[in-house]
Protein backbone atom coordinates (compact mmCIF):
# COMPACT_ATOMS: atom_id res chain seq x y z
CA MET A 1 0.10 0.25 0.06
CA PRO A 2 1.65 3.11 -0.98
CA PRO A 3 2.36 5.72 1.99
CA PHE A 4 -0.10 8.59 0.63
CA VAL A 5 -2.63 5.73 0.77
CA ARG A 6 -1.79 4.55 4.40
CA HIS A 7 -1.90 8.46 5.32
CA ARG A 8 -5.24 8.95 3.93
CA MET A 9 -6.60 5.67 5.64
CA LYS A 10 -5.34 6.61 8.90
CA LEU A 11 -4.64 3.18 9.83
CA ASP A 12 -4.19 1.89 13.70
CA ALA A 13 -1.02 0.11 14.58
CA ASP A 14 -2.43 -3.55 14.25
CA GLN A 15 -3.53 -2.67 10.86
CA THR A 16 -0.35 -1.32 9.82
CA LYS A 17 1.49 -4.60 11.26
CA LYS A 18 -0.95 -6.67 9.18
CA ILE A 19 -0.61 -4.90 6.13
CA GLU A 20 3.23 -4.71 6.49
CA ALA A 21 3.05 -8.56 6.79
CA LEU A 22 0.83 -8.88 3.67
CA GLU A 23 3.07 -6.69 1.71
CA ALA A 24 6.30 -8.89 2.64
CA GLU A 25 4.22 -12.19 1.79
CA VAL A 26 3.34 -10.53 -1.94
CA ARG A 27 7.04 -9.39 -2.30
CA THR A 28 8.38 -13.06 -1.53
CA LYS A 29 5.41 -14.21 -4.10
CA LEU A 30 6.70 -11.67 -6.66
CA GLY A 31 10.19 -12.68 -6.60
CA LEU A 32 9.06 -16.03 -7.65
CA ILE A 33 7.05 -14.87 -10.71
CA LEU A 34 9.39 -11.69 -11.88
CA THR A 35 12.77 -12.13 -13.30
CA ARG A 36 15.60 -10.47 -11.23
CA ASP A 37 15.83 -7.42 -13.50
CA GLN A 38 11.88 -7.05 -13.06
CA MET A 39 12.15 -7.41 -9.50
CA GLN A 40 14.70 -4.84 -9.33
CA GLU A 41 12.67 -2.42 -11.43
CA PHE A 42 9.90 -3.07 -9.47
CA GLU A 43 11.64 -2.10 -6.28
CA GLU A 44 12.89 1.21 -7.95
CA ILE A 45 9.48 2.23 -8.76
CA LEU A 46 8.09 1.88 -5.24
CA ARG A 47 11.14 3.95 -3.93
CA GLU A 48 10.31 6.50 -6.72
CA GLY A 49 6.73 7.02 -5.97
CA PRO A 50 3.84 7.79 -8.39
CA PRO A 51 4.56 10.34 -11.31
CA GLY A 52 4.48 13.73 -10.09
CA ARG A 53 5.10 13.24 -6.39
CA PRO A 54 8.85 12.59 -5.60
CA GLY A 55 9.25 9.89 -2.81
CA GLY A 56 5.52 9.18 -2.86
CA GLY A 57 5.12 10.47 0.25
CA PRO A 58 1.58 11.98 1.82
CA PRO A 59 0.65 15.37 1.10
CA GLU A 60 0.81 18.04 3.35
CA ASP A 61 -2.72 17.80 4.32
CA ASP A 62 -5.76 15.45 3.68
CA GLY A 63 -5.58 15.63 -0.33
CA PRO A 64 -4.33 17.15 -3.48
CA PRO A 65 -4.60 20.60 -3.90
CA HIS A 66 -8.10 22.13 -5.69
CA ARG A 67 -7.60 22.60 -9.36
CA PRO A 68 -10.16 25.07 -10.92
CA GLY A 69 -11.90 23.58 -13.93
CA ARG A 70 -11.24 20.10 -12.77
CA PRO A 71 -13.47 17.73 -10.76
CA ASP A 72 -12.45 17.09 -7.26
């Protein structure tokens, strides 16, 4: 789960722990499916975060800024 999603979901400690365990399991299984190069690229993509938001960290507030003329 990307950091910005965790931030928005306001997970408690137990939920965070369970999600971290699930993510570890998923990464292990992905390692069995993806090639070594694909796995390295996957990890790099996760570190970079989504396009337009370096590091993929949570926004300063609870959402993106309002953009006039664009739906919220």
